[in-house]
Amino acid sequence: MSITPSAIAVDVRELHVRRGSHHALDGVTVRVRNGSITGLLGPSGCGKTTLMRAIVGTQLVTSGTVTVLGEAAGSASLRRRIGYVTQAPSVYPDLTVTENVSYFASLYGKKGRAVADTIAAVGLTDHSRNRANALSGGQLGRLSLACALVSEPELLVLDEPTVGLDPVLRAELWEHFRSLAARGTTLLVSSHVMDEADHCDELVLLREGRLVAQLTPSELRERTGEDGLEDAFLRLIRPPAGVPR
């Protein structure tokens, strides 16, 4: 089904990224709809983080185009419109949870209730007065997420945001992601947890820098004949025996 340009938040066309002789991304073409949650899945080293970096404008590309919210990726005007959460926490260790989130809120003209609400959304209210250097790894990841969420970005790019979190908090975060999408935020989320794929509207499957498929969870099941998404993913991502990759 065709998609009108105004409905597209991210438009990646024939993207190539090389590191020496290695193709980190090899001709990847992906389109992400406005107000959707798109899951980015694939084995370690398949190019997920490289693709995300290209979308937020921090990755040098060899060729191809990346258009984000109607503008070229990396444009200065996009800085206030995109939230990006990396795998490594990006916070100030000597500031408290509230101070960190308040600082990022001030950069975008947000204040007051937005800070407390965002801290609550990531489950850190009880730690709001703790310094970041006193938090656990999982708590640091949630603090990084809060610092990105408080700006209420149009596009939220999350690199494995639920790693190290307990199942209850993971479920609560996905509920929050869905509420953001319902309000018009576009989310691109990478994950290694296959049961999270069912929370996504579409899935982008990568292997060795190449796009394997972009489809919905139900289409993935139909295409592979598997009920479980993990089995469906493995059936699609692994070439049949004797077929070269």
C-alpha atoms as a PDB file:
ATOM      1  CA  MET A   1       0.000   0.000   0.000  1.00  0.00           C
ATOM      2  CA  SER A   2       1.391   3.404  -0.933  1.00  0.00           C
ATOM      3  CA  ILE A   3       2.153   5.953   1.769  1.00  0.00           C
ATOM      4  CA  THR A   4       1.802   9.680   1.200  1.00  0.00           C
ATOM      5  CA  PRO A   5       4.980  11.710   1.876  1.00  0.00           C
ATOM      6  CA  SER A   6       3.257  13.656   4.667  1.00  0.00           C
ATOM      7  CA  ALA A   7       2.686  10.395   6.546  1.00  0.00           C
ATOM      8  CA  ILE A   8       6.401   9.559   6.646  1.00  0.00           C
ATOM      9  CA  ALA A   9       8.559  10.541   9.616  1.00  0.00           C
ATOM     10  CA  VAL A  10      11.761   8.819   8.449  1.00  0.00           C
ATOM     11  CA  ASP A  11      12.659   8.075   4.825  1.00  0.00           C
ATOM     12  CA  VAL A  12      15.905   6.163   4.267  1.00  0.00           C
ATOM     13  CA  ARG A  13      16.852   5.490   0.651  1.00  0.00           C
ATOM     14  CA  GLU A  14      19.650   3.175  -0.546  1.00  0.00           C
ATOM     15  CA  LEU A  15      21.800   3.923   2.488  1.00  0.00           C
ATOM     16  CA  HIS A  16      25.404   2.716   2.417  1.00  0.00           C
ATOM     17  CA  VAL A  17      27.844   3.030   5.309  1.00  0.00           C
ATOM     18  CA  ARG A  18      31.330   1.596   4.967  1.00  0.00           C
ATOM     19  CA  ARG A  19      34.079   1.188   7.517  1.00  0.00           C
ATOM     20  CA  GLY A  20      37.149   0.271   5.534  1.00  0.00           C
ATOM     21  CA  SER A  21      36.185  -2.765   3.480  1.00  0.00           C
ATOM     22  CA  HIS A  22      33.253  -3.590   5.775  1.00  0.00           C
ATOM     23  CA  HIS A  23      29.677  -2.699   4.774  1.00  0.00           C
ATOM     24  CA  ALA A  24      28.020  -1.590   8.013  1.00  0.00           C
ATOM     25  CA  LEU A  25      24.903  -0.809   5.952  1.00  0.00           C
ATOM     26  CA  ASP A  26      24.489  -2.065   2.406  1.00  0.00           C
ATOM     27  CA  GLY A  27      21.743  -0.351   0.390  1.00  0.00           C
ATOM     28  CA  VAL A  28      19.162  -0.127   3.198  1.00  0.00           C
ATOM     29  CA  THR A  29      15.808   1.454   2.324  1.00  0.00           C
ATOM     30  CA  VAL A  30      13.315   1.972   5.164  1.00  0.00           C
ATOM     31  CA  ARG A  31      10.301   4.225   5.738  1.00  0.00           C
ATOM     32  CA  VAL A  32       8.827   4.895   9.170  1.00  0.00           C
ATOM     33  CA  ARG A  33       5.268   6.187   9.521  1.00  0.00           C
ATOM     34  CA  ASN A  34       4.353   9.187  11.660  1.00  0.00           C
ATOM     35  CA  GLY A  35       2.914   8.252  15.041  1.00  0.00           C
ATOM     36  CA  SER A  36       4.014   4.618  14.827  1.00  0.00           C
ATOM     37  CA  ILE A  37       6.269   2.352  16.863  1.00  0.00           C
ATOM     38  CA  THR A  38       8.796   0.617  14.628  1.00  0.00           C
ATOM     39  CA  GLY A  39      10.971  -2.142  16.051  1.00  0.00           C
ATOM     40  CA  LEU A  40      14.513  -2.548  14.744  1.00  0.00           C
ATOM     41  CA  LEU A  41      15.624  -6.160  15.098  1.00  0.00           C
ATOM     42  CA  GLY A  42      18.611  -8.248  14.120  1.00  0.00           C
ATOM     43  CA  PRO A  43      21.710 -10.026  15.454  1.00  0.00           C
ATOM     44  CA  SER A  44      24.480  -8.086  17.154  1.00  0.00           C
ATOM     45  CA  GLY A  45      26.584  -6.261  14.587  1.00  0.00           C
ATOM     46  CA  CYS A  46      23.838  -6.242  11.932  1.00  0.00           C
ATOM     47  CA  GLY A  47      23.767  -2.441  11.648  1.00  0.00           C
ATOM     48  CA  LYS A  48      20.938  -1.406  13.992  1.00  0.00           C
ATOM     49  CA  THR A  49      22.910   1.227  15.893  1.00  0.00           C
ATOM     50  CA  THR A  50      24.551   2.480  12.689  1.00  0.00           C
ATOM     51  CA  LEU A  51      21.123   3.001  11.132  1.00  0.00           C
ATOM     52  CA  MET A  52      19.898   4.849  14.202  1.00  0.00           C
ATOM     53  CA  ARG A  53      22.974   7.078  14.217  1.00  0.00           C
ATOM     54  CA  ALA A  54      22.384   7.878  10.534  1.00  0.00           C
ATOM     55  CA  ILE A  55      18.785   8.845  11.305  1.00  0.00           C
ATOM     56  CA  VAL A  56      19.722  11.197  14.156  1.00  0.00           C
ATOM     57  CA  GLY A  57      22.526  12.676  12.032  1.00  0.00           C
ATOM     58  CA  THR A  58      25.626  11.518  13.929  1.00  0.00           C
ATOM     59  CA  GLN A  59      26.815   8.914  11.416  1.00  0.00           C
ATOM     60  CA  LEU A  60      28.952   9.647   8.340  1.00  0.00           C
ATOM     61  CA  VAL A  61      27.358   7.878   5.371  1.00  0.00           C
ATOM     62  CA  THR A  62      28.977   6.687   2.162  1.00  0.00           C
ATOM     63  CA  SER A  63      25.945   7.198  -0.074  1.00  0.00           C
ATOM     64  CA  GLY A  64      22.166   7.325  -0.007  1.00  0.00           C
ATOM     65  CA  THR A  65      19.753   9.758   1.599  1.00  0.00           C
ATOM     66  CA  VAL A  66      18.134  10.038   5.028  1.00  0.00           C
ATOM     67  CA  THR A  67      15.177  12.409   5.426  1.00  0.00           C
ATOM     68  CA  VAL A  68      13.766  12.972   8.912  1.00  0.00           C
ATOM     69  CA  LEU A  69      10.576  14.934   9.603  1.00  0.00           C
ATOM     70  CA  GLY A  70      10.851  16.390   6.108  1.00  0.00           C
ATOM     71  CA  GLU A  71      14.469  17.553   6.456  1.00  0.00           C
ATOM     72  CA  ALA A  72      17.919  16.104   5.795  1.00  0.00           C
ATOM     73  CA  ALA A  73      19.190  14.085   8.755  1.00  0.00           C
ATOM     74  CA  GLY A  74      21.572  16.124  10.868  1.00  0.00           C
ATOM     75  CA  SER A  75      19.949  19.478  10.065  1.00  0.00           C
ATOM     76  CA  ALA A  76      20.301  21.964  12.923  1.00  0.00           C
ATOM     77  CA  SER A  77      16.547  22.531  12.959  1.00  0.00           C
ATOM     78  CA  LEU A  78      15.989  18.874  13.907  1.00  0.00           C
ATOM     79  CA  ARG A  79      17.901  19.040  17.187  1.00  0.00           C
ATOM     80  CA  ARG A  80      14.867  20.072  19.212  1.00  0.00           C
ATOM     81  CA  ARG A  81      12.565  17.663  17.383  1.00  0.00           C
ATOM     82  CA  ILE A  82      14.412  14.381  17.985  1.00  0.00           C
ATOM     83  CA  GLY A  83      15.144  12.482  21.188  1.00  0.00           C
ATOM     84  CA  TYR A  84      17.926   9.895  21.092  1.00  0.00           C
ATOM     85  CA  VAL A  85      18.734   7.395  23.845  1.00  0.00           C
ATOM     86  CA  THR A  86      21.937   5.412  23.343  1.00  0.00           C
ATOM     87  CA  GLN A  87      22.854   2.123  24.993  1.00  0.00           C
ATOM     88  CA  ALA A  88      25.383   3.958  27.177  1.00  0.00           C
ATOM     89  CA  PRO A  89      23.685   6.310  29.682  1.00  0.00           C
ATOM     90  CA  SER A  90      24.169  10.000  28.824  1.00  0.00           C
ATOM     91  CA  VAL A  91      23.641  11.912  32.064  1.00  0.00           C
ATOM     92  CA  TYR A  92      25.583  14.074  34.498  1.00  0.00           C
ATOM     93  CA  PRO A  93      26.829  11.763  37.307  1.00  0.00           C
ATOM     94  CA  ASP A  94      27.145  14.503  39.943  1.00  0.00           C
ATOM     95  CA  LEU A  95      23.545  15.709  39.516  1.00  0.00           C
ATOM     96  CA  THR A  96      20.460  14.117  41.042  1.00  0.00           C
ATOM     97  CA  VAL A  97      17.747  12.472  38.969  1.00  0.00           C
ATOM     98  CA  THR A  98      15.567  15.568  39.238  1.00  0.00           C
ATOM     99  CA  GLU A  99      18.457  17.914  38.436  1.00  0.00           C
ATOM    100  CA  ASN A 100      19.377  15.915  35.336  1.00  0.00           C
ATOM    101  CA  VAL A 101      15.846  15.839  33.982  1.00  0.00           C
ATOM    102  CA  SER A 102      15.282  19.499  34.918  1.00  0.00           C
ATOM    103  CA  TYR A 103      18.416  20.510  33.025  1.00  0.00           C
ATOM    104  CA  PHE A 104      17.281  18.807  29.826  1.00  0.00           C
ATOM    105  CA  ALA A 105      13.761  20.157  30.332  1.00  0.00           C
ATOM    106  CA  SER A 106      15.143  23.706  30.522  1.00  0.00           C
ATOM    107  CA  LEU A 107      16.870  23.279  27.156  1.00  0.00           C
ATOM    108  CA  TYR A 108      13.447  22.780  25.568  1.00  0.00           C
ATOM    109  CA  GLY A 109      11.452  25.281  27.621  1.00  0.00           C
ATOM    110  CA  LYS A 110       9.773  22.595  29.735  1.00  0.00           C
ATOM    111  CA  LYS A 111       9.391  22.950  33.492  1.00  0.00           C
ATOM    112  CA  GLY A 112       7.383  22.168  36.582  1.00  0.00           C
ATOM    113  CA  ARG A 113       5.015  19.243  36.241  1.00  0.00           C
ATOM    114  CA  ALA A 114       6.703  17.875  33.100  1.00  0.00           C
ATOM    115  CA  VAL A 115       9.830  16.952  35.099  1.00  0.00           C
ATOM    116  CA  ALA A 116       7.978  15.076  37.848  1.00  0.00           C
ATOM    117  CA  ASP A 117       5.640  13.360  35.381  1.00  0.00           C
ATOM    118  CA  THR A 118       8.557  12.160  33.240  1.00  0.00           C
ATOM    119  CA  ILE A 119      10.468  10.841  36.239  1.00  0.00           C
ATOM    120  CA  ALA A 120       7.350   8.958  37.314  1.00  0.00           C
ATOM    121  CA  ALA A 121       6.883   7.534  33.808  1.00  0.00           C
ATOM    122  CA  VAL A 122      10.268   5.771  33.994  1.00  0.00           C
ATOM    123  CA  GLY A 123       9.737   4.578  37.573  1.00  0.00           C
ATOM    124  CA  LEU A 124      12.334   6.780  39.292  1.00  0.00           C
ATOM    125  CA  THR A 125      10.174   8.864  41.639  1.00  0.00           C
ATOM    126  CA  ASP A 126      11.586   7.124  44.717  1.00  0.00           C
ATOM    127  CA  HIS A 127      15.124   7.922  43.496  1.00  0.00           C
ATOM    128  CA  SER A 128      14.488  11.502  42.377  1.00  0.00           C
ATOM    129  CA  ARG A 129      16.882  12.943  44.968  1.00  0.00           C
ATOM    130  CA  ASN A 130      19.648  10.417  44.336  1.00  0.00           C
ATOM    131  CA  ARG A 131      22.719  11.416  42.369  1.00  0.00           C
ATOM    132  CA  ALA A 132      23.180   9.630  39.073  1.00  0.00           C
ATOM    133  CA  ASN A 133      26.477   8.108  40.224  1.00  0.00           C
ATOM    134  CA  ALA A 134      24.578   6.291  42.986  1.00  0.00           C
ATOM    135  CA  LEU A 135      22.122   4.600  40.593  1.00  0.00           C
ATOM    136  CA  SER A 136      22.263   1.061  39.247  1.00  0.00           C
ATOM    137  CA  GLY A 137      22.891   0.389  35.564  1.00  0.00           C
ATOM    138  CA  GLY A 138      19.198  -0.150  34.867  1.00  0.00           C
ATOM    139  CA  GLN A 139      18.274   3.022  36.742  1.00  0.00           C
ATOM    140  CA  LEU A 140      20.856   5.007  34.742  1.00  0.00           C
ATOM    141  CA  GLY A 141      19.270   3.746  31.539  1.00  0.00           C
ATOM    142  CA  ARG A 142      15.865   4.909  32.745  1.00  0.00           C
ATOM    143  CA  LEU A 143      17.301   8.306  33.672  1.00  0.00           C
ATOM    144  CA  SER A 144      18.726   8.702  30.162  1.00  0.00           C
ATOM    145  CA  LEU A 145      15.306   7.843  28.786  1.00  0.00           C
ATOM    146  CA  ALA A 146      13.654  10.448  31.038  1.00  0.00           C
ATOM    147  CA  CYS A 147      16.089  13.119  29.833  1.00  0.00           C
ATOM    148  CA  ALA A 148      15.016  12.385  26.252  1.00  0.00           C
ATOM    149  CA  LEU A 149      11.303  12.046  27.013  1.00  0.00           C
ATOM    150  CA  VAL A 150      10.952  15.331  28.898  1.00  0.00           C
ATOM    151  CA  SER A 151      11.465  17.362  25.703  1.00  0.00           C
ATOM    152  CA  GLU A 152       8.400  15.664  24.141  1.00  0.00           C
ATOM    153  CA  PRO A 153      10.201  15.070  20.819  1.00  0.00           C
ATOM    154  CA  GLU A 154       8.393  14.380  17.564  1.00  0.00           C
ATOM    155  CA  LEU A 155      10.720  11.446  16.907  1.00  0.00           C
ATOM    156  CA  LEU A 156      12.141   9.272  19.688  1.00  0.00           C
ATOM    157  CA  VAL A 157      15.013   6.934  18.764  1.00  0.00           C
ATOM    158  CA  LEU A 158      15.750   4.327  21.445  1.00  0.00           C
ATOM    159  CA  ASP A 159      18.690   1.923  21.281  1.00  0.00           C
ATOM    160  CA  GLU A 160      17.720  -1.094  23.414  1.00  0.00           C
ATOM    161  CA  PRO A 161      16.003   0.990  26.125  1.00  0.00           C
ATOM    162  CA  THR A 162      14.731  -1.953  28.192  1.00  0.00           C
ATOM    163  CA  VAL A 163      18.020  -3.857  28.642  1.00  0.00           C
ATOM    164  CA  GLY A 164      18.465  -4.850  32.279  1.00  0.00           C
ATOM    165  CA  LEU A 165      14.938  -3.926  33.333  1.00  0.00           C
ATOM    166  CA  ASP A 166      12.570  -6.240  35.184  1.00  0.00           C
ATOM    167  CA  PRO A 167       9.465  -7.494  33.333  1.00  0.00           C
ATOM    168  CA  VAL A 168       7.060  -5.218  35.229  1.00  0.00           C
ATOM    169  CA  LEU A 169       8.998  -2.054  34.415  1.00  0.00           C
ATOM    170  CA  ARG A 170       9.476  -3.175  30.817  1.00  0.00           C
ATOM    171  CA  ALA A 171       5.706  -3.579  30.477  1.00  0.00           C
ATOM    172  CA  GLU A 172       5.097  -0.147  32.029  1.00  0.00           C
ATOM    173  CA  LEU A 173       7.589   1.503  29.675  1.00  0.00           C
ATOM    174  CA  TRP A 174       5.966  -0.076  26.640  1.00  0.00           C
ATOM    175  CA  GLU A 175       2.600   1.207  27.829  1.00  0.00           C
ATOM    176  CA  HIS A 176       4.156   4.670  28.012  1.00  0.00           C
ATOM    177  CA  PHE A 177       5.641   4.273  24.524  1.00  0.00           C
ATOM    178  CA  ARG A 178       2.204   3.358  23.196  1.00  0.00           C
ATOM    179  CA  SER A 179       0.637   6.408  24.841  1.00  0.00           C
ATOM    180  CA  LEU A 180       3.319   8.604  23.225  1.00  0.00           C
ATOM    181  CA  ALA A 181       2.559   7.112  19.809  1.00  0.00           C
ATOM    182  CA  ALA A 182      -1.162   7.686  20.363  1.00  0.00           C
ATOM    183  CA  ARG A 183      -0.361  11.377  20.898  1.00  0.00           C
ATOM    184  CA  GLY A 184       1.584  11.524  17.629  1.00  0.00           C
ATOM    185  CA  THR A 185       5.175  10.768  18.638  1.00  0.00           C
ATOM    186  CA  THR A 186       7.063   8.476  16.265  1.00  0.00           C
ATOM    187  CA  LEU A 187       9.231   5.848  17.964  1.00  0.00           C
ATOM    188  CA  LEU A 188      12.056   3.764  16.533  1.00  0.00           C
ATOM    189  CA  VAL A 189      13.137   1.134  19.056  1.00  0.00           C
ATOM    190  CA  SER A 190      15.862  -1.484  18.777  1.00  0.00           C
ATOM    191  CA  SER A 191      15.576  -4.612  20.890  1.00  0.00           C
ATOM    192  CA  HIS A 192      16.916  -8.118  21.353  1.00  0.00           C
ATOM    193  CA  VAL A 193      13.805  -9.176  23.310  1.00  0.00           C
ATOM    194  CA  MET A 194      11.471 -10.784  20.815  1.00  0.00           C
ATOM    195  CA  ASP A 195       8.330 -10.558  22.940  1.00  0.00           C
ATOM    196  CA  GLU A 196       8.692  -6.778  22.682  1.00  0.00           C
ATOM    197  CA  ALA A 197       8.215  -7.019  18.922  1.00  0.00           C
ATOM    198  CA  ASP A 198       4.482  -7.553  19.461  1.00  0.00           C
ATOM    199  CA  HIS A 199       4.275  -4.015  20.878  1.00  0.00           C
ATOM    200  CA  CYS A 200       5.424  -2.581  17.549  1.00  0.00           C
ATOM    201  CA  ASP A 201       3.319  -1.524  14.584  1.00  0.00           C
ATOM    202  CA  GLU A 202       6.055  -2.564  12.146  1.00  0.00           C
ATOM    203  CA  LEU A 203       9.341  -4.446  12.313  1.00  0.00           C
ATOM    204  CA  VAL A 204      12.554  -3.735  10.417  1.00  0.00           C
ATOM    205  CA  LEU A 205      14.739  -6.849  10.243  1.00  0.00           C
ATOM    206  CA  LEU A 206      18.440  -6.461   9.480  1.00  0.00           C
ATOM    207  CA  ARG A 207      21.202  -8.985   8.892  1.00  0.00           C
ATOM    208  CA  GLU A 208      24.835  -8.201   8.084  1.00  0.00           C
ATOM    209  CA  GLY A 209      23.999  -4.629   7.139  1.00  0.00           C
ATOM    210  CA  ARG A 210      21.185  -5.521   4.766  1.00  0.00           C
ATOM    211  CA  LEU A 211      17.439  -5.167   5.070  1.00  0.00           C
ATOM    212  CA  VAL A 212      15.803  -8.588   5.308  1.00  0.00           C
ATOM    213  CA  ALA A 213      12.225  -7.335   5.580  1.00  0.00           C
ATOM    214  CA  GLN A 214       9.973  -4.563   6.822  1.00  0.00           C
ATOM    215  CA  LEU A 215       6.605  -5.886   7.896  1.00  0.00           C
ATOM    216  CA  THR A 216       4.070  -6.071  10.730  1.00  0.00           C
ATOM    217  CA  PRO A 217       4.273  -8.747  13.456  1.00  0.00           C
ATOM    218  CA  SER A 218       1.214 -10.494  11.960  1.00  0.00           C
ATOM    219  CA  GLU A 219       2.788 -10.411   8.481  1.00  0.00           C
ATOM    220  CA  LEU A 220       5.958 -11.949   9.925  1.00  0.00           C
ATOM    221  CA  ARG A 221       3.923 -14.805  11.376  1.00  0.00           C
ATOM    222  CA  GLU A 222       2.018 -15.303   8.117  1.00  0.00           C
ATOM    223  CA  ARG A 223       5.175 -15.208   6.012  1.00  0.00           C
ATOM    224  CA  THR A 224       6.998 -17.810   8.115  1.00  0.00           C
ATOM    225  CA  GLY A 225       4.103 -19.947   9.332  1.00  0.00           C
ATOM    226  CA  GLU A 226       5.315 -19.593  12.917  1.00  0.00           C
ATOM    227  CA  ASP A 227       3.117 -18.476  15.812  1.00  0.00           C
ATOM    228  CA  GLY A 228       5.985 -17.406  18.075  1.00  0.00           C
ATOM    229  CA  LEU A 229       7.770 -14.232  16.986  1.00  0.00           C
ATOM    230  CA  GLU A 230      11.173 -15.547  18.028  1.00  0.00           C
ATOM    231  CA  ASP A 231      10.759 -18.659  15.849  1.00  0.00           C
ATOM    232  CA  ALA A 232       9.362 -16.513  13.034  1.00  0.00           C
ATOM    233  CA  PHE A 233      12.290 -14.109  13.307  1.00  0.00           C
ATOM    234  CA  LEU A 234      14.845 -16.921  13.242  1.00  0.00           C
ATOM    235  CA  ARG A 235      13.181 -18.614  10.282  1.00  0.00           C
ATOM    236  CA  LEU A 236      13.290 -15.398   8.276  1.00  0.00           C
ATOM    237  CA  ILE A 237      16.690 -14.128   9.407  1.00  0.00           C
ATOM    238  CA  ARG A 238      18.529 -17.429   8.865  1.00  0.00           C
ATOM    239  CA  PRO A 239      19.024 -18.518   5.244  1.00  0.00           C
ATOM    240  CA  PRO A 240      17.974 -22.077   4.429  1.00  0.00           C
ATOM    241  CA  ALA A 241      20.702 -24.701   4.630  1.00  0.00           C
ATOM    242  CA  GLY A 242      22.929 -24.625   1.575  1.00  0.00           C
ATOM    243  CA  VAL A 243      21.834 -21.128   0.526  1.00  0.00           C
ATOM    244  CA  PRO A 244      24.624 -18.528   0.706  1.00  0.00           C
ATOM    245  CA  ARG A 245      24.014 -15.444   2.813  1.00  0.00           C
END
